[in-house]
Every structure is written in C-alpha cells, then in structure tokens.
Amino acid sequence: MERRNKRVLYVISFLYLAYIFIPLTAAGEYTFKTSVQGKYSLDNYRSVFLENDFFYYVLRSFWLSALSVFITLLFQIPLQTWLHIRQSKLKSVIETASLLPLIIPVVAFAIGAQVAMPMFVQDSVLELPFLYSMLSLPYTYRAIDIGLSAVPLRTLYEAARTSGGSWSKTISAAVIPNIRGAILAAAALGFALCIGEFTLTSLLHWDTFPTWINDVSQDSVLQAITLSVISLILPIFVIAGFAVSFKKEKRPI
C-alpha cells in the first residue's frame, strides 16, 4: 500500500513538473530560433541586451521589488509575532483583512490606495513598493504565519525577555533565526509577484520591466518572448541566492 502511494505521488509530481516546465522549455526553445528554418542562435538575446533601456528597467524593477520585500518583512514579522504571543483576538481580523487584495479589483485598489497616501509619495515611484507589499499580503502573511506557528514562540519570547532582551532584540535574536525558512518563502513569494507586476504599475502610469516588455512587444514578438523568459528566470536565480545565503548561516540551537 505504501509503495502504491509513493507511485501515485511520483506520478502527480511528474505531471506537475511537466505542466510547469514544458511550456517554459517551449518558450525558451522558441527564443533561440532564427528566420532560417532549423537554425538556432543567440541573436534574440543579443538584441535584447543591446537595447538601451534593458538594464535600466531590470535594475529598477529589482530594487523596487527588494524594497517591497523589506517593507513587508519589517512590518509583518513584529506584528505577527505580537499577535501570536498575545493570542490577540485581532489575529483573526487581520488574517481576514490580509485576503482583501484577492477580493478588491486592482483598479479600485490602485486608485484608492494611491489617494490614501501623502501627496509627496503619490508623486514618486516609491509608492510602488508600498502597494506591492499590500498586493503580496495574502501570500507573505501566510508564509510567516505558518513559520511562527511551527516554533515554540512563547518559550523563545519568555527566554529572551528573562535574559533582559528588548522587544527589538527578541525579534532579531530569538524569533528571526528560528523562522528563516518562512522568511525565505515570504521573500520569494513577494519578490516574484512584485518583479512581474504589470496591471498596478500600468494603471498608475509608472514604467518598470513588465511595462517595458509590453512596449517592446509592439515592435518584435520574438524580443518580447525573450524578455518574458528572462523575467521568469531572473526571480529563480534571486530566490536561489537567498536560499544559498540562508543555508550558509549557522542554524539556531
């Protein structure tokens, strides 16, 4: 029976991976094609990298996404830690509120959230990281929540406070080292969503890598597909970098 369950699991895993990687492989193979039938080259990638604005928009989307992840972790880790320790009734309210970005249409969310911000933020591209962090809330909230639920949080908190640690020291020295996996998952989900976000950015008339891809697609379909493949691969390398750096750090006792 156990062997049969393993076989079913292997089949499901294979089908899932095939569902993800076959379209990606086909798109990747298409980007190497040339106008000559049966010939492949790096011309499409070469032309993309030679575009004047390519690196500008890649770096812009990268630092906006990184800032969004930083804002997300900065606010959510202390808040959720407090909710778990105090076992506050607000936890269920905030958990429900975190689902609102999935319910509210992006058009209404973009205009409403922008108007609620100070004028100096509305006139700056720095409004995007705050909005991105709200859009990713349904995913990042649950990733951190699962991590906090899996550790003896109250014991860690009481041990840190008994040792004379402040609230900030408790978070940085006792909580964060024990939920690194959850932090990595939240950072990965937030970064992947933010770096590929198009609708919100377009509605607010800002230019980032996804909107630039849309502009390029008007002139060259092959370049647009090449850029799309790059935009899919880029977060994978960033997330892999996060994972490697986390593994190199000493595990908490």
Protein backbone atom coordinates (compact mmCIF):
# COMPACT_ATOMS: atom_id res chain seq x y z
CA MET A 1 0.00 0.00 0.00
CA GLU A 2 2.83 2.35 0.91
CA ARG A 3 4.64 1.57 -2.35
CA ARG A 4 1.45 2.30 -4.29
CA ASN A 5 1.06 5.65 -2.54
CA LYS A 6 4.64 6.52 -3.45
CA ARG A 7 4.00 5.69 -7.09
CA VAL A 8 0.91 7.90 -7.12
CA LEU A 9 2.95 10.69 -5.52
CA TYR A 10 5.70 10.30 -8.14
CA VAL A 11 3.17 10.39 -10.98
CA ILE A 12 1.47 13.50 -9.61
CA SER A 13 4.85 15.19 -9.07
CA PHE A 14 5.94 14.32 -12.61
CA LEU A 15 2.72 15.68 -14.12
CA TYR A 16 3.01 18.85 -12.04
CA LEU A 17 6.61 19.45 -13.12
CA ALA A 18 5.71 18.70 -16.74
CA TYR A 19 2.83 21.18 -16.55
CA ILE A 20 5.27 23.87 -15.40
CA PHE A 21 8.41 23.15 -17.38
CA ILE A 22 7.11 22.03 -20.79
CA PRO A 23 5.65 25.47 -21.66
CA LEU A 24 8.77 27.17 -20.27
CA THR A 25 11.03 24.89 -22.29
CA ALA A 26 8.99 25.51 -25.45
CA ALA A 27 9.16 29.28 -24.93
CA GLY A 28 12.89 29.08 -24.23
CA GLU A 29 13.50 26.99 -27.36
CA TYR A 30 11.50 29.45 -29.45
CA THR A 31 13.68 32.37 -28.35
CA PHE A 32 16.75 30.71 -29.91
CA LYS A 33 15.11 30.28 -33.33
CA THR A 34 16.14 32.31 -36.35
CA SER A 35 14.42 33.16 -39.61
CA VAL A 36 16.29 30.23 -41.21
CA GLN A 37 14.38 27.01 -40.60
CA GLY A 38 16.16 24.60 -38.27
CA LYS A 39 18.80 27.15 -37.23
CA TYR A 40 19.36 28.47 -33.72
CA SER A 41 21.38 31.40 -32.44
CA LEU A 42 21.69 33.91 -29.61
CA ASP A 43 20.64 36.83 -31.82
CA ASN A 44 17.41 37.46 -29.93
CA TYR A 45 19.20 37.61 -26.58
CA ARG A 46 21.98 39.72 -28.06
CA SER A 47 19.49 42.24 -29.43
CA VAL A 48 17.66 42.35 -26.08
CA PHE A 49 20.83 43.02 -24.10
CA LEU A 50 21.80 45.74 -26.56
CA GLU A 51 18.52 47.60 -26.00
CA ASN A 52 19.27 50.97 -24.45
CA ASP A 53 16.76 50.66 -21.60
CA PHE A 54 17.11 46.95 -20.79
CA PHE A 55 19.41 47.16 -17.77
CA TYR A 56 17.76 50.36 -16.55
CA TYR A 57 14.33 48.74 -16.25
CA VAL A 58 15.69 45.44 -14.92
CA LEU A 59 17.52 47.24 -12.12
CA ARG A 60 14.55 49.49 -11.46
CA SER A 61 12.16 46.57 -11.04
CA PHE A 62 14.79 44.73 -8.99
CA TRP A 63 15.28 47.45 -6.37
CA LEU A 64 11.56 48.26 -6.21
CA SER A 65 10.81 44.57 -5.56
CA ALA A 66 13.61 44.30 -3.00
CA LEU A 67 12.32 47.39 -1.18
CA SER A 68 8.82 45.93 -1.20
CA VAL A 69 10.09 42.71 0.40
CA PHE A 70 11.96 44.73 3.03
CA ILE A 71 8.82 46.73 3.89
CA THR A 72 6.78 43.53 4.08
CA LEU A 73 9.16 41.80 6.48
CA LEU A 74 9.77 44.95 8.53
CA PHE A 75 6.08 45.31 9.36
CA GLN A 76 4.81 41.76 9.31
CA ILE A 77 7.36 39.94 11.47
CA PRO A 78 6.93 42.15 14.59
CA LEU A 79 3.16 42.41 14.10
CA GLN A 80 2.56 38.70 13.65
CA THR A 81 4.95 37.85 16.49
CA TRP A 82 2.95 40.10 18.82
CA LEU A 83 -0.34 38.58 17.65
CA HIS A 84 0.93 35.04 18.25
CA ILE A 85 2.40 35.78 21.67
CA ARG A 86 -0.58 37.72 22.97
CA GLN A 87 -3.05 35.39 21.26
CA SER A 88 -4.98 38.51 20.43
CA LYS A 89 -8.50 38.42 19.02
CA LEU A 90 -7.22 40.83 16.39
CA LYS A 91 -5.35 37.93 14.77
CA SER A 92 -8.45 36.58 13.03
CA VAL A 93 -9.45 40.10 11.95
CA ILE A 94 -6.04 40.87 10.46
CA GLU A 95 -5.86 37.43 8.87
CA THR A 96 -9.18 38.09 7.13
CA ALA A 97 -8.09 41.60 6.12
CA SER A 98 -4.95 40.15 4.52
CA LEU A 99 -7.19 38.46 1.93
CA LEU A 100 -8.68 41.73 0.70
CA PRO A 101 -6.12 42.20 -2.14
CA LEU A 102 -7.53 38.98 -3.65
CA ILE A 103 -11.09 40.33 -3.48
CA ILE A 104 -10.74 44.01 -4.34
CA PRO A 105 -10.29 44.68 -8.09
CA VAL A 106 -6.83 46.01 -8.92
CA VAL A 107 -8.32 49.17 -10.48
CA ALA A 108 -10.16 50.10 -7.29
CA PHE A 109 -7.22 49.05 -5.15
CA ALA A 110 -4.72 51.14 -7.14
CA ILE A 111 -6.73 54.36 -7.12
CA GLY A 112 -7.94 54.02 -3.54
CA ALA A 113 -4.55 53.13 -2.08
CA GLN A 114 -2.80 55.88 -4.01
CA VAL A 115 -5.24 58.58 -2.87
CA ALA A 116 -4.79 57.45 0.75
CA MET A 117 -1.05 58.12 0.57
CA PRO A 118 0.60 61.51 1.21
CA MET A 119 0.99 63.69 -1.86
CA PHE A 120 4.80 63.51 -1.84
CA VAL A 121 4.55 59.70 -2.06
CA GLN A 122 1.94 59.80 -4.83
CA ASP A 123 4.31 61.83 -6.99
CA SER A 124 7.17 59.35 -6.56
CA VAL A 125 7.85 55.86 -7.88
CA LEU A 126 8.43 54.95 -4.23
CA GLU A 127 4.68 54.48 -3.89
CA LEU A 128 5.01 51.21 -5.80
CA PRO A 129 6.86 49.22 -3.09
CA PHE A 130 4.14 50.05 -0.55
CA LEU A 131 1.41 48.99 -2.98
CA TYR A 132 3.35 45.88 -3.99
CA SER A 133 3.68 44.86 -0.34
CA MET A 134 -0.10 45.15 0.06
CA LEU A 135 -0.74 43.12 -3.10
CA SER A 136 1.53 40.32 -1.88
CA LEU A 137 -0.05 40.31 1.60
CA PRO A 138 -2.26 37.20 1.09
CA TYR A 139 0.83 35.11 0.34
CA THR A 140 3.51 36.63 2.55
CA TYR A 141 1.22 36.81 5.59
CA ARG A 142 0.50 33.09 5.49
CA ALA A 143 4.12 32.13 4.89
CA ILE A 144 5.24 33.97 8.02
CA ASP A 145 2.20 32.82 10.00
CA ILE A 146 2.99 29.15 9.28
CA GLY A 147 6.60 29.68 10.34
CA LEU A 148 5.63 31.30 13.63
CA SER A 149 3.08 28.58 14.35
CA ALA A 150 5.73 25.88 13.89
CA VAL A 151 8.11 27.13 16.63
CA PRO A 152 7.69 27.43 20.43
CA LEU A 153 7.30 31.17 20.12
CA ARG A 154 6.15 31.92 23.67
CA THR A 155 9.07 29.95 25.12
CA LEU A 156 11.53 31.84 22.92
CA TYR A 157 9.92 35.14 23.85
CA GLU A 158 9.97 34.49 27.59
CA ALA A 159 13.58 33.25 27.48
CA ALA A 160 14.70 36.37 25.62
CA ARG A 161 12.79 38.74 27.89
CA THR A 162 14.07 36.98 31.03
CA SER A 163 17.61 37.48 29.75
CA GLY A 164 16.94 41.22 29.61
CA GLY A 165 16.43 41.49 25.88
CA SER A 166 14.35 44.33 24.50
CA TRP A 167 11.49 43.78 22.08
CA SER A 168 13.67 44.53 19.05
CA LYS A 169 16.43 42.27 20.38
CA THR A 170 13.91 39.49 20.97
CA ILE A 171 12.72 39.74 17.37
CA SER A 172 16.20 39.87 15.84
CA ALA A 173 17.97 37.32 18.07
CA ALA A 174 15.24 34.86 19.08
CA VAL A 175 12.44 34.96 16.52
CA ILE A 176 14.03 35.63 13.13
CA PRO A 177 16.75 32.91 13.35
CA ASN A 178 14.07 30.31 14.04
CA ILE A 179 11.77 31.22 11.14
CA ARG A 180 14.35 31.64 8.38
CA GLY A 181 12.51 29.20 6.14
CA ALA A 182 9.27 31.15 6.49
CA ILE A 183 11.08 34.44 5.86
CA LEU A 184 12.69 32.98 2.74
CA ALA A 185 9.30 31.76 1.50
CA ALA A 186 7.68 35.15 2.14
CA ALA A 187 10.57 36.98 0.46
CA ALA A 188 10.46 34.65 -2.55
CA LEU A 189 6.70 35.00 -2.99
CA GLY A 190 6.79 38.76 -2.54
CA PHE A 191 9.74 39.28 -4.86
CA ALA A 192 8.34 37.07 -7.63
CA LEU A 193 4.97 38.84 -7.51
CA CYS A 194 6.46 42.34 -7.42
CA ILE A 195 9.04 41.97 -10.17
CA GLY A 196 6.37 40.69 -12.58
CA GLU A 197 3.55 43.05 -11.57
CA PHE A 198 2.09 44.80 -14.62
CA THR A 199 -1.52 45.88 -14.05
CA LEU A 200 -1.00 48.08 -11.00
CA THR A 201 2.12 49.71 -12.43
CA SER A 202 0.41 50.41 -15.74
CA LEU A 203 -2.68 51.90 -14.09
CA LEU A 204 -0.54 54.32 -12.10
CA HIS A 205 1.47 55.25 -15.22
CA TRP A 206 4.86 54.12 -13.99
CA ASP A 207 7.43 52.33 -16.13
CA THR A 208 9.04 49.12 -14.92
CA PHE A 209 10.42 45.98 -16.56
CA PRO A 210 6.99 44.35 -17.23
CA THR A 211 5.55 47.54 -18.79
CA TRP A 212 8.71 47.94 -20.87
CA ILE A 213 8.27 44.36 -22.15
CA ASN A 214 4.76 45.33 -23.23
CA ASP A 215 6.15 48.29 -25.18
CA VAL A 216 8.84 46.16 -26.83
CA SER A 217 6.25 43.57 -27.88
CA GLN A 218 4.66 46.16 -30.16
CA ASP A 219 7.78 46.05 -32.36
CA SER A 220 9.09 42.50 -32.01
CA VAL A 221 7.27 39.40 -30.80
CA LEU A 222 10.49 37.38 -30.52
CA GLN A 223 12.11 40.02 -28.34
CA ALA A 224 9.00 40.15 -26.15
CA ILE A 225 9.10 36.36 -25.65
CA THR A 226 12.83 36.51 -24.93
CA LEU A 227 12.27 39.22 -22.33
CA SER A 228 9.44 37.22 -20.78
CA VAL A 229 11.71 34.19 -20.42
CA ILE A 230 14.36 36.38 -18.80
CA SER A 231 11.77 37.82 -16.41
CA LEU A 232 10.85 34.26 -15.38
CA ILE A 233 14.44 33.13 -14.91
CA LEU A 234 15.60 36.23 -13.02
CA PRO A 235 13.47 35.65 -9.87
CA ILE A 236 14.56 31.99 -9.80
CA PHE A 237 18.22 33.00 -9.57
CA VAL A 238 17.46 35.63 -6.94
CA ILE A 239 15.47 33.15 -4.83
CA ALA A 240 18.24 30.55 -5.22
CA GLY A 241 20.70 33.18 -3.99
CA PHE A 242 18.53 33.80 -0.93
CA ALA A 243 18.36 30.06 -0.23
CA VAL A 244 22.13 29.59 -0.51
CA SER A 245 22.86 32.54 1.77
CA PHE A 246 20.40 31.22 4.36
CA LYS A 247 21.99 27.76 4.33
CA LYS A 248 25.47 29.18 4.86
CA GLU A 249 24.40 30.88 8.07
CA LYS A 250 24.68 29.00 11.33
CA ARG A 251 21.45 27.35 12.38
CA PRO A 252 19.95 28.41 15.71
CA ILE A 253 20.06 25.95 18.57
